[in-house]
Amino acid sequence: MPSVKENLSQWSLVANDSWIKGQRFQLAKGAQTIGRSTDATLTFPSKHLSRLHAEITVSEDFLFVTDLKSANGTFVNGKLINSAKIKPGDHIRFDQFSFVVEGPQNHA
């Protein structure tokens, strides 16, 4: 089961496919990592993710995602990225895990 070590902000990733569909993962302000390692902030036990797959930095108005040289890539709105600014409503995919981003504007 995925785990989130911090739960402090209005930003979240909502899974829209795979075995975690419908689950919401809240993101804390600041930098967080996603991967299969227990050292990641958001951990998914999957051989498809790199140990530390990507980093998400949360600010008040946007997210910034950076691929950490993962084997299978990080995608934003269907495009393979090295890094990208993310806003509410965008779609992020870490290999097989796909999410819709919810942010402060979605919660108003």
PDB file of N, CA and C in Angstrom:
ATOM      1  N   MET A   1       0.840  -1.181   0.000  1.00  0.00           N
ATOM      2  CA  MET A   1       0.000   0.000   0.000  1.00  0.00           C
ATOM      3  C   MET A   1       0.887   1.248   0.000  1.00  0.00           C
ATOM      4  N   PRO A   2       0.597   2.251  -0.842  1.00  0.00           N
ATOM      5  CA  PRO A   2       1.378   3.481  -0.846  1.00  0.00           C
ATOM      6  C   PRO A   2       1.265   4.195   0.494  1.00  0.00           C
ATOM      7  N   SER A   3       2.280   4.947   0.828  1.00  0.00           N
ATOM      8  CA  SER A   3       2.234   5.707   2.067  1.00  0.00           C
ATOM      9  C   SER A   3       2.654   7.134   1.808  1.00  0.00           C
ATOM     10  N   VAL A   4       2.089   8.061   2.574  1.00  0.00           N
ATOM     11  CA  VAL A   4       2.473   9.460   2.525  1.00  0.00           C
ATOM     12  C   VAL A   4       2.985   9.806   3.911  1.00  0.00           C
ATOM     13  N   LYS A   5       4.202  10.352   3.982  1.00  0.00           N
ATOM     14  CA  LYS A   5       4.799  10.661   5.273  1.00  0.00           C
ATOM     15  C   LYS A   5       4.382  12.029   5.796  1.00  0.00           C
ATOM     16  N   GLU A   6       3.876  12.898   4.912  1.00  0.00           N
ATOM     17  CA  GLU A   6       3.432  14.207   5.348  1.00  0.00           C
ATOM     18  C   GLU A   6       2.082  14.503   4.712  1.00  0.00           C
ATOM     19  N   ASN A   7       1.240  15.269   5.416  1.00  0.00           N
ATOM     20  CA  ASN A   7      -0.103  15.556   4.948  1.00  0.00           C
ATOM     21  C   ASN A   7      -0.465  16.966   5.390  1.00  0.00           C
ATOM     22  N   LEU A   8       0.117  17.993   4.733  1.00  0.00           N
ATOM     23  CA  LEU A   8       0.017  19.344   5.260  1.00  0.00           C
ATOM     24  C   LEU A   8      -0.573  20.391   4.334  1.00  0.00           C
ATOM     25  N   SER A   9      -0.837  20.100   3.080  1.00  0.00           N
ATOM     26  CA  SER A   9      -1.234  21.166   2.160  1.00  0.00           C
ATOM     27  C   SER A   9      -2.538  20.858   1.446  1.00  0.00           C
ATOM     28  N   GLN A  10      -2.932  21.804   0.592  1.00  0.00           N
ATOM     29  CA  GLN A  10      -4.139  21.633  -0.204  1.00  0.00           C
ATOM     30  C   GLN A  10      -3.851  20.947  -1.532  1.00  0.00           C
ATOM     31  N   TRP A  11      -2.620  20.690  -1.857  1.00  0.00           N
ATOM     32  CA  TRP A  11      -2.262  20.039  -3.102  1.00  0.00           C
ATOM     33  C   TRP A  11      -2.363  18.532  -2.947  1.00  0.00           C
ATOM     34  N   SER A  12      -2.876  17.862  -3.976  1.00  0.00           N
ATOM     35  CA  SER A  12      -2.917  16.408  -3.920  1.00  0.00           C
ATOM     36  C   SER A  12      -2.847  15.813  -5.324  1.00  0.00           C
ATOM     37  N   LEU A  13      -2.453  14.556  -5.358  1.00  0.00           N
ATOM     38  CA  LEU A  13      -2.464  13.757  -6.578  1.00  0.00           C
ATOM     39  C   LEU A  13      -3.591  12.752  -6.418  1.00  0.00           C
ATOM     40  N   VAL A  14      -4.469  12.673  -7.423  1.00  0.00           N
ATOM     41  CA  VAL A  14      -5.577  11.730  -7.393  1.00  0.00           C
ATOM     42  C   VAL A  14      -5.320  10.692  -8.479  1.00  0.00           C
ATOM     43  N   ALA A  15      -5.153   9.446  -8.052  1.00  0.00           N
ATOM     44  CA  ALA A  15      -4.850   8.365  -8.995  1.00  0.00           C
ATOM     45  C   ALA A  15      -6.034   8.136  -9.921  1.00  0.00           C
ATOM     46  N   ASN A  16      -5.748   8.020 -11.233  1.00  0.00           N
ATOM     47  CA  ASN A  16      -6.854   7.802 -12.165  1.00  0.00           C
ATOM     48  C   ASN A  16      -6.725   6.503 -12.944  1.00  0.00           C
ATOM     49  N   ASP A  17      -5.827   5.614 -12.528  1.00  0.00           N
ATOM     50  CA  ASP A  17      -5.787   4.273 -13.107  1.00  0.00           C
ATOM     51  C   ASP A  17      -4.929   3.371 -12.235  1.00  0.00           C
ATOM     52  N   SER A  18      -4.687   2.188 -12.690  1.00  0.00           N
ATOM     53  CA  SER A  18      -3.940   1.136 -12.009  1.00  0.00           C
ATOM     54  C   SER A  18      -4.649   0.709 -10.717  1.00  0.00           C
ATOM     55  N   TRP A  19      -3.977  -0.033  -9.903  1.00  0.00           N
ATOM     56  CA  TRP A  19      -4.586  -0.608  -8.699  1.00  0.00           C
ATOM     57  C   TRP A  19      -4.868   0.414  -7.609  1.00  0.00           C
ATOM     58  N   ILE A  20      -4.429   1.665  -7.784  1.00  0.00           N
ATOM     59  CA  ILE A  20      -4.683   2.707  -6.780  1.00  0.00           C
ATOM     60  C   ILE A  20      -5.733   3.718  -7.242  1.00  0.00           C
ATOM     61  N   LYS A  21      -6.458   3.423  -8.296  1.00  0.00           N
ATOM     62  CA  LYS A  21      -7.448   4.346  -8.868  1.00  0.00           C
ATOM     63  C   LYS A  21      -8.365   4.912  -7.784  1.00  0.00           C
ATOM     64  N   GLY A  22      -8.542   6.239  -7.829  1.00  0.00           N
ATOM     65  CA  GLY A  22      -9.431   6.928  -6.900  1.00  0.00           C
ATOM     66  C   GLY A  22      -8.777   7.354  -5.593  1.00  0.00           C
ATOM     67  N   GLN A  23      -7.595   6.858  -5.295  1.00  0.00           N
ATOM     68  CA  GLN A  23      -6.928   7.240  -4.055  1.00  0.00           C
ATOM     69  C   GLN A  23      -6.323   8.634  -4.195  1.00  0.00           C
ATOM     70  N   ARG A  24      -6.403   9.408  -3.110  1.00  0.00           N
ATOM     71  CA  ARG A  24      -5.888  10.773  -3.080  1.00  0.00           C
ATOM     72  C   ARG A  24      -4.645  10.795  -2.185  1.00  0.00           C
ATOM     73  N   PHE A  25      -3.590  11.416  -2.690  1.00  0.00           N
ATOM     74  CA  PHE A  25      -2.334  11.520  -1.963  1.00  0.00           C
ATOM     75  C   PHE A  25      -2.021  12.991  -1.773  1.00  0.00           C
ATOM     76  N   GLN A  26      -2.193  13.483  -0.549  1.00  0.00           N
ATOM     77  CA  GLN A  26      -1.942  14.892  -0.278  1.00  0.00           C
ATOM     78  C   GLN A  26      -0.449  15.152  -0.231  1.00  0.00           C
ATOM     79  N   LEU A  27      -0.068  16.343  -0.697  1.00  0.00           N
ATOM     80  CA  LEU A  27       1.331  16.729  -0.777  1.00  0.00           C
ATOM     81  C   LEU A  27       1.625  17.855   0.204  1.00  0.00           C
ATOM     82  N   ALA A  28       2.756  17.766   0.864  1.00  0.00           N
ATOM     83  CA  ALA A  28       3.185  18.800   1.799  1.00  0.00           C
ATOM     84  C   ALA A  28       3.935  19.894   1.050  1.00  0.00           C
ATOM     85  N   LYS A  29       3.987  21.069   1.618  1.00  0.00           N
ATOM     86  CA  LYS A  29       4.753  22.167   1.029  1.00  0.00           C
ATOM     87  C   LYS A  29       6.234  21.812   1.080  1.00  0.00           C
ATOM     88  N   GLY A  30       6.953  22.145   0.002  1.00  0.00           N
ATOM     89  CA  GLY A  30       8.376  21.844  -0.079  1.00  0.00           C
ATOM     90  C   GLY A  30       8.635  20.681  -1.019  1.00  0.00           C
ATOM     91  N   ALA A  31       9.832  20.125  -0.960  1.00  0.00           N
ATOM     92  CA  ALA A  31      10.248  19.053  -1.876  1.00  0.00           C
ATOM     93  C   ALA A  31       9.915  17.680  -1.305  1.00  0.00           C
ATOM     94  N   GLN A  32       9.415  16.805  -2.188  1.00  0.00           N
ATOM     95  CA  GLN A  32       9.075  15.437  -1.840  1.00  0.00           C
ATOM     96  C   GLN A  32       9.473  14.526  -2.985  1.00  0.00           C
ATOM     97  N   THR A  33       9.794  13.287  -2.672  1.00  0.00           N
ATOM     98  CA  THR A  33      10.168  12.334  -3.709  1.00  0.00           C
ATOM     99  C   THR A  33       9.099  11.269  -3.874  1.00  0.00           C
ATOM    100  N   ILE A  34       9.054  10.712  -5.095  1.00  0.00           N
ATOM    101  CA  ILE A  34       8.145   9.625  -5.426  1.00  0.00           C
ATOM    102  C   ILE A  34       8.997   8.485  -5.960  1.00  0.00           C
ATOM    103  N   GLY A  35       8.730   7.277  -5.489  1.00  0.00           N
ATOM    104  CA  GLY A  35       9.474   6.125  -5.972  1.00  0.00           C
ATOM    105  C   GLY A  35       9.090   4.859  -5.240  1.00  0.00           C
ATOM    106  N   ARG A  36       9.820   3.792  -5.514  1.00  0.00           N
ATOM    107  CA  ARG A  36       9.525   2.524  -4.854  1.00  0.00           C
ATOM    108  C   ARG A  36      10.314   2.340  -3.561  1.00  0.00           C
ATOM    109  N   SER A  37      11.325   3.169  -3.326  1.00  0.00           N
ATOM    110  CA  SER A  37      12.135   3.077  -2.117  1.00  0.00           C
ATOM    111  C   SER A  37      11.357   3.580  -0.908  1.00  0.00           C
ATOM    112  N   THR A  38      11.596   2.957   0.227  1.00  0.00           N
ATOM    113  CA  THR A  38      10.985   3.456   1.459  1.00  0.00           C
ATOM    114  C   THR A  38      11.583   4.804   1.869  1.00  0.00           C
ATOM    115  N   ASP A  39      12.676   5.216   1.211  1.00  0.00           N
ATOM    116  CA  ASP A  39      13.245   6.538   1.460  1.00  0.00           C
ATOM    117  C   ASP A  39      12.464   7.642   0.751  1.00  0.00           C
ATOM    118  N   ALA A  40      11.583   7.285  -0.178  1.00  0.00           N
ATOM    119  CA  ALA A  40      10.762   8.269  -0.889  1.00  0.00           C
ATOM    120  C   ALA A  40       9.653   8.777   0.035  1.00  0.00           C
ATOM    121  N   THR A  41       9.257  10.023  -0.168  1.00  0.00           N
ATOM    122  CA  THR A  41       8.154  10.586   0.606  1.00  0.00           C
ATOM    123  C   THR A  41       6.850   9.855   0.278  1.00  0.00           C
ATOM    124  N   LEU A  42       6.624   9.611  -1.005  1.00  0.00           N
ATOM    125  CA  LEU A  42       5.442   8.890  -1.481  1.00  0.00           C
ATOM    126  C   LEU A  42       5.944   7.587  -2.091  1.00  0.00           C
ATOM    127  N   THR A  43       5.696   6.479  -1.402  1.00  0.00           N
ATOM    128  CA  THR A  43       6.253   5.184  -1.785  1.00  0.00           C
ATOM    129  C   THR A  43       5.197   4.292  -2.411  1.00  0.00           C
ATOM    130  N   PHE A  44       5.523   3.731  -3.596  1.00  0.00           N
ATOM    131  CA  PHE A  44       4.683   2.757  -4.265  1.00  0.00           C
ATOM    132  C   PHE A  44       5.517   1.493  -4.457  1.00  0.00           C
ATOM    133  N   PRO A  45       5.092   0.368  -3.906  1.00  0.00           N
ATOM    134  CA  PRO A  45       5.855  -0.873  -4.069  1.00  0.00           C
ATOM    135  C   PRO A  45       5.641  -1.454  -5.464  1.00  0.00           C
ATOM    136  N   SER A  46       6.390  -0.955  -6.427  1.00  0.00           N
ATOM    137  CA  SER A  46       6.236  -1.393  -7.816  1.00  0.00           C
ATOM    138  C   SER A  46       7.587  -1.448  -8.496  1.00  0.00           C
ATOM    139  N   LYS A  47       7.843  -2.542  -9.179  1.00  0.00           N
ATOM    140  CA  LYS A  47       9.111  -2.678  -9.904  1.00  0.00           C
ATOM    141  C   LYS A  47       9.186  -1.715 -11.099  1.00  0.00           C
ATOM    142  N   HIS A  48       8.062  -1.114 -11.471  1.00  0.00           N
ATOM    143  CA  HIS A  48       8.034  -0.213 -12.621  1.00  0.00           C
ATOM    144  C   HIS A  48       8.575   1.181 -12.301  1.00  0.00           C
ATOM    145  N   LEU A  49       8.617   1.540 -11.040  1.00  0.00           N
ATOM    146  CA  LEU A  49       9.151   2.843 -10.649  1.00  0.00           C
ATOM    147  C   LEU A  49      10.616   2.700 -10.282  1.00  0.00           C
ATOM    148  N   SER A  50      11.377   3.748 -10.521  1.00  0.00           N
ATOM    149  CA  SER A  50      12.748   3.788 -10.034  1.00  0.00           C
ATOM    150  C   SER A  50      12.704   3.960  -8.516  1.00  0.00           C
ATOM    151  N   ARG A  51      13.810   3.654  -7.865  1.00  0.00           N
ATOM    152  CA  ARG A  51      13.838   3.793  -6.402  1.00  0.00           C
ATOM    153  C   ARG A  51      13.441   5.209  -5.990  1.00  0.00           C
ATOM    154  N   LEU A  52      14.049   6.193  -6.604  1.00  0.00           N
ATOM    155  CA  LEU A  52      13.639   7.592  -6.459  1.00  0.00           C
ATOM    156  C   LEU A  52      13.342   8.073  -7.869  1.00  0.00           C
ATOM    157  N   HIS A  53      12.074   8.049  -8.235  1.00  0.00           N
ATOM    158  CA  HIS A  53      11.634   8.265  -9.615  1.00  0.00           C
ATOM    159  C   HIS A  53      11.569   9.747  -9.982  1.00  0.00           C
ATOM    160  N   ALA A  54      10.961  10.547  -9.103  1.00  0.00           N
ATOM    161  CA  ALA A  54      10.764  11.969  -9.397  1.00  0.00           C
ATOM    162  C   ALA A  54      10.692  12.753  -8.096  1.00  0.00           C
ATOM    163  N   GLU A  55      10.864  14.060  -8.234  1.00  0.00           N
ATOM    164  CA  GLU A  55      10.719  14.958  -7.097  1.00  0.00           C
ATOM    165  C   GLU A  55       9.646  15.978  -7.432  1.00  0.00           C
ATOM    166  N   ILE A  56       8.766  16.226  -6.463  1.00  0.00           N
ATOM    167  CA  ILE A  56       7.729  17.253  -6.609  1.00  0.00           C
ATOM    168  C   ILE A  56       7.998  18.316  -5.561  1.00  0.00           C
ATOM    169  N   THR A  57       8.056  19.573  -6.023  1.00  0.00           N
ATOM    170  CA  THR A  57       8.204  20.694  -5.102  1.00  0.00           C
ATOM    171  C   THR A  57       6.888  21.455  -5.095  1.00  0.00           C
ATOM    172  N   VAL A  58       6.330  21.651  -3.910  1.00  0.00           N
ATOM    173  CA  VAL A  58       5.031  22.295  -3.750  1.00  0.00           C
ATOM    174  C   VAL A  58       5.222  23.733  -3.289  1.00  0.00           C
ATOM    175  N   SER A  59       4.567  24.664  -3.999  1.00  0.00           N
ATOM    176  CA  SER A  59       4.514  26.058  -3.544  1.00  0.00           C
ATOM    177  C   SER A  59       3.041  26.413  -3.370  1.00  0.00           C
ATOM    178  N   GLU A  60       2.762  27.653  -3.076  1.00  0.00           N
ATOM    179  CA  GLU A  60       1.374  28.082  -2.905  1.00  0.00           C
ATOM    180  C   GLU A  60       0.579  27.985  -4.206  1.00  0.00           C
ATOM    181  N   ASP A  61       1.193  28.376  -5.339  1.00  0.00           N
ATOM    182  CA  ASP A  61       0.467  28.511  -6.587  1.00  0.00           C
ATOM    183  C   ASP A  61       0.701  27.415  -7.620  1.00  0.00           C
ATOM    184  N   PHE A  62       1.716  26.612  -7.453  1.00  0.00           N
ATOM    185  CA  PHE A  62       2.004  25.578  -8.441  1.00  0.00           C
ATOM    186  C   PHE A  62       2.876  24.480  -7.854  1.00  0.00           C
ATOM    187  N   LEU A  63       2.980  23.402  -8.615  1.00  0.00           N
ATOM    188  CA  LEU A  63       3.909  22.315  -8.320  1.00  0.00           C
ATOM    189  C   LEU A  63       4.991  22.355  -9.379  1.00  0.00           C
ATOM    190  N   PHE A  64       6.151  21.857  -9.028  1.00  0.00           N
ATOM    191  CA  PHE A  64       7.231  21.714  -9.983  1.00  0.00           C
ATOM    192  C   PHE A  64       7.696  20.272  -9.873  1.00  0.00           C
ATOM    193  N   VAL A  65       7.666  19.532 -10.981  1.00  0.00           N
ATOM    194  CA  VAL A  65       8.073  18.134 -10.959  1.00  0.00           C
ATOM    195  C   VAL A  65       9.367  17.971 -11.750  1.00  0.00           C
ATOM    196  N   THR A  66      10.277  17.171 -11.194  1.00  0.00           N
ATOM    197  CA  THR A  66      11.556  16.888 -11.831  1.00  0.00           C
ATOM    198  C   THR A  66      11.759  15.385 -11.870  1.00  0.00           C
ATOM    199  N   ASP A  67      12.021  14.853 -13.051  1.00  0.00           N
ATOM    200  CA  ASP A  67      12.348  13.440 -13.179  1.00  0.00           C
ATOM    201  C   ASP A  67      13.760  13.240 -12.634  1.00  0.00           C
ATOM    202  N   LEU A  68      13.958  12.199 -11.830  1.00  0.00           N
ATOM    203  CA  LEU A  68      15.263  11.941 -11.220  1.00  0.00           C
ATOM    204  C   LEU A  68      16.027  10.868 -11.991  1.00  0.00           C
ATOM    205  N   LYS A  69      16.055  11.040 -13.322  1.00  0.00           N
ATOM    206  CA  LYS A  69      16.728  10.099 -14.221  1.00  0.00           C
ATOM    207  C   LYS A  69      16.152   8.690 -14.078  1.00  0.00           C
ATOM    208  N   SER A  70      14.831   8.630 -14.001  1.00  0.00           N
ATOM    209  CA  SER A  70      14.130   7.352 -13.860  1.00  0.00           C
ATOM    210  C   SER A  70      14.274   6.520 -15.136  1.00  0.00           C
ATOM    211  N   ALA A  71      14.144   5.221 -14.973  1.00  0.00           N
ATOM    212  CA  ALA A  71      14.268   4.319 -16.126  1.00  0.00           C
ATOM    213  C   ALA A  71      13.076   4.439 -17.079  1.00  0.00           C
ATOM    214  N   ASN A  72      11.882   4.680 -16.558  1.00  0.00           N
ATOM    215  CA  ASN A  72      10.680   4.651 -17.386  1.00  0.00           C
ATOM    216  C   ASN A  72      10.023   6.008 -17.604  1.00  0.00           C
ATOM    217  N   GLY A  73      10.618   7.066 -17.104  1.00  0.00           N
ATOM    218  CA  GLY A  73      10.160   8.406 -17.432  1.00  0.00           C
ATOM    219  C   GLY A  73       9.047   8.982 -16.576  1.00  0.00           C
ATOM    220  N   THR A  74       8.961  10.313 -16.642  1.00  0.00           N
ATOM    221  CA  THR A  74       7.906  11.093 -16.006  1.00  0.00           C
ATOM    222  C   THR A  74       7.235  11.892 -17.116  1.00  0.00           C
ATOM    223  N   PHE A  75       5.898  11.896 -17.126  1.00  0.00           N
ATOM    224  CA  PHE A  75       5.119  12.524 -18.189  1.00  0.00           C
ATOM    225  C   PHE A  75       4.156  13.541 -17.588  1.00  0.00           C
ATOM    226  N   VAL A  76       4.025  14.685 -18.253  1.00  0.00           N
ATOM    227  CA  VAL A  76       3.051  15.703 -17.867  1.00  0.00           C
ATOM    228  C   VAL A  76       2.158  15.949 -19.071  1.00  0.00           C
ATOM    229  N   ASN A  77       0.874  15.737 -18.890  1.00  0.00           N
ATOM    230  CA  ASN A  77      -0.106  15.888 -19.965  1.00  0.00           C
ATOM    231  C   ASN A  77       0.325  15.117 -21.215  1.00  0.00           C
ATOM    232  N   GLY A  78       0.857  13.917 -20.998  1.00  0.00           N
ATOM    233  CA  GLY A  78       1.237  13.018 -22.086  1.00  0.00           C
ATOM    234  C   GLY A  78       2.610  13.249 -22.676  1.00  0.00           C
ATOM    235  N   LYS A  79       3.329  14.266 -22.208  1.00  0.00           N
ATOM    236  CA  LYS A  79       4.646  14.600 -22.770  1.00  0.00           C
ATOM    237  C   LYS A  79       5.748  14.198 -21.790  1.00  0.00           C
ATOM    238  N   LEU A  80       6.755  13.478 -22.302  1.00  0.00           N
ATOM    239  CA  LEU A  80       7.911  13.098 -21.493  1.00  0.00           C
ATOM    240  C   LEU A  80       8.672  14.362 -21.104  1.00  0.00           C
ATOM    241  N   ILE A  81       8.979  14.507 -19.803  1.00  0.00           N
ATOM    242  CA  ILE A  81       9.649  15.722 -19.328  1.00  0.00           C
ATOM    243  C   ILE A  81      10.893  15.386 -18.508  1.00  0.00           C
ATOM    244  N   ASN A  82      11.788  16.345 -18.412  1.00  0.00           N
ATOM    245  CA  ASN A  82      12.875  16.311 -17.431  1.00  0.00           C
ATOM    246  C   ASN A  82      12.433  17.076 -16.193  1.00  0.00           C
ATOM    247  N   SER A  83      11.761  18.217 -16.423  1.00  0.00           N
ATOM    248  CA  SER A  83      11.161  19.003 -15.351  1.00  0.00           C
ATOM    249  C   SER A  83      10.049  19.852 -15.956  1.00  0.00           C
ATOM    250  N   ALA A  84       9.064  20.188 -15.122  1.00  0.00           N
ATOM    251  CA  ALA A  84       7.933  20.972 -15.616  1.00  0.00           C
ATOM    252  C   ALA A  84       7.182  21.619 -14.455  1.00  0.00           C
ATOM    253  N   LYS A  85       6.607  22.781 -14.744  1.00  0.00           N
ATOM    254  CA  LYS A  85       5.717  23.458 -13.804  1.00  0.00           C
ATOM    255  C   LYS A  85       4.328  22.854 -13.980  1.00  0.00           C
ATOM    256  N   ILE A  86       3.678  22.531 -12.882  1.00  0.00           N
ATOM    257  CA  ILE A  86       2.382  21.850 -12.898  1.00  0.00           C
ATOM    258  C   ILE A  86       1.342  22.745 -12.234  1.00  0.00           C
ATOM    259  N   LYS A  87       0.132  22.709 -12.764  1.00  0.00           N
ATOM    260  CA  LYS A  87      -0.960  23.462 -12.154  1.00  0.00           C
ATOM    261  C   LYS A  87      -2.160  22.536 -11.955  1.00  0.00           C
ATOM    262  N   PRO A  88      -3.138  22.963 -11.166  1.00  0.00           N
ATOM    263  CA  PRO A  88      -4.313  22.111 -10.955  1.00  0.00           C
ATOM    264  C   PRO A  88      -4.943  21.700 -12.282  1.00  0.00           C
ATOM    265  N   GLY A  89      -5.334  20.440 -12.366  1.00  0.00           N
ATOM    266  CA  GLY A  89      -5.961  19.900 -13.568  1.00  0.00           C
ATOM    267  C   GLY A  89      -4.992  19.187 -14.490  1.00  0.00           C
ATOM    268  N   ASP A  90      -3.692  19.404 -14.307  1.00  0.00           N
ATOM    269  CA  ASP A  90      -2.712  18.711 -15.131  1.00  0.00           C
ATOM    270  C   ASP A  90      -2.676  17.222 -14.776  1.00  0.00           C
ATOM    271  N   HIS A  91      -2.179  16.435 -15.722  1.00  0.00           N
ATOM    272  CA  HIS A  91      -2.030  14.990 -15.531  1.00  0.00           C
ATOM    273  C   HIS A  91      -0.548  14.657 -15.447  1.00  0.00           C
ATOM    274  N   ILE A  92      -0.180  13.888 -14.427  1.00  0.00           N
ATOM    275  CA  ILE A  92       1.199  13.441 -14.253  1.00  0.00           C
ATOM    276  C   ILE A  92       1.209  11.925 -14.285  1.00  0.00           C
ATOM    277  N   ARG A  93       2.209  11.362 -14.975  1.00  0.00           N
ATOM    278  CA  ARG A  93       2.356   9.900 -15.001  1.00  0.00           C
ATOM    279  C   ARG A  93       3.799   9.555 -14.683  1.00  0.00           C
ATOM    280  N   PHE A  94       3.945   8.659 -13.712  1.00  0.00           N
ATOM    281  CA  PHE A  94       5.233   8.087 -13.342  1.00  0.00           C
ATOM    282  C   PHE A  94       5.162   6.631 -13.773  1.00  0.00           C
ATOM    283  N   ASP A  95       5.717   6.316 -14.935  1.00  0.00           N
ATOM    284  CA  ASP A  95       5.590   5.009 -15.573  1.00  0.00           C
ATOM    285  C   ASP A  95       4.118   4.614 -15.622  1.00  0.00           C
ATOM    286  N   GLN A  96       3.681   3.585 -14.891  1.00  0.00           N
ATOM    287  CA  GLN A  96       2.302   3.114 -14.980  1.00  0.00           C
ATOM    288  C   GLN A  96       1.338   3.851 -14.049  1.00  0.00           C
ATOM    289  N   PHE A  97       1.828   4.703 -13.181  1.00  0.00           N
ATOM    290  CA  PHE A  97       0.977   5.403 -12.221  1.00  0.00           C
ATOM    291  C   PHE A  97       0.598   6.774 -12.753  1.00  0.00           C
ATOM    292  N   SER A  98      -0.713   6.998 -12.931  1.00  0.00           N
ATOM    293  CA  SER A  98      -1.213   8.229 -13.528  1.00  0.00           C
ATOM    294  C   SER A  98      -2.085   8.972 -12.509  1.00  0.00           C
ATOM    295  N   PHE A  99      -1.906  10.295 -12.460  1.00  0.00           N
ATOM    296  CA  PHE A  99      -2.607  11.121 -11.474  1.00  0.00           C
ATOM    297  C   PHE A  99      -3.131  12.395 -12.114  1.00  0.00           C
ATOM    298  N   VAL A 100      -4.231  12.907 -11.568  1.00  0.00           N
ATOM    299  CA  VAL A 100      -4.715  14.245 -11.871  1.00  0.00           C
ATOM    300  C   VAL A 100      -4.297  15.107 -10.667  1.00  0.00           C
ATOM    301  N   VAL A 101      -3.793  16.293 -10.944  1.00  0.00           N
ATOM    302  CA  VAL A 101      -3.351  17.192  -9.889  1.00  0.00           C
ATOM    303  C   VAL A 101      -4.518  18.043  -9.418  1.00  0.00           C
ATOM    304  N   GLU A 102      -4.740  18.062  -8.118  1.00  0.00           N
ATOM    305  CA  GLU A 102      -5.689  18.982  -7.513  1.00  0.00           C
ATOM    306  C   GLU A 102      -4.915  19.980  -6.690  1.00  0.00           C
ATOM    307  N   GLY A 103      -5.301  21.246  -6.804  1.00  0.00           N
ATOM    308  CA  GLY A 103      -4.606  22.294  -6.084  1.00  0.00           C
ATOM    309  C   GLY A 103      -5.578  23.255  -5.436  1.00  0.00           C
ATOM    310  N   PRO A 104      -5.054  24.324  -4.851  1.00  0.00           N
ATOM    311  CA  PRO A 104      -5.895  25.280  -4.124  1.00  0.00           C
ATOM    312  C   PRO A 104      -7.101  25.777  -4.907  1.00  0.00           C
ATOM    313  N   GLN A 105      -6.964  26.019  -6.229  1.00  0.00           N
ATOM    314  CA  GLN A 105      -8.102  26.506  -7.001  1.00  0.00           C
ATOM    315  C   GLN A 105      -9.211  25.448  -7.077  1.00  0.00           C
ATOM    316  N   ASN A 106      -8.854  24.152  -7.053  1.00  0.00           N
ATOM    317  CA  ASN A 106      -9.848  23.092  -7.111  1.00  0.00           C
ATOM    318  C   ASN A 106     -10.652  22.991  -5.825  1.00  0.00           C
ATOM    319  N   HIS A 107     -10.091  23.477  -4.710  1.00  0.00           N
ATOM    320  CA  HIS A 107     -10.721  23.306  -3.407  1.00  0.00           C
ATOM    321  C   HIS A 107     -11.555  24.504  -2.992  1.00  0.00           C
ATOM    322  N   ALA A 108     -11.531  25.590  -3.738  1.00  0.00           N
ATOM    323  CA  ALA A 108     -12.233  26.815  -3.358  1.00  0.00           C
ATOM    324  C   ALA A 108     -13.731  26.637  -3.435  1.00  0.00           C
TER     325      ALA A 108
END
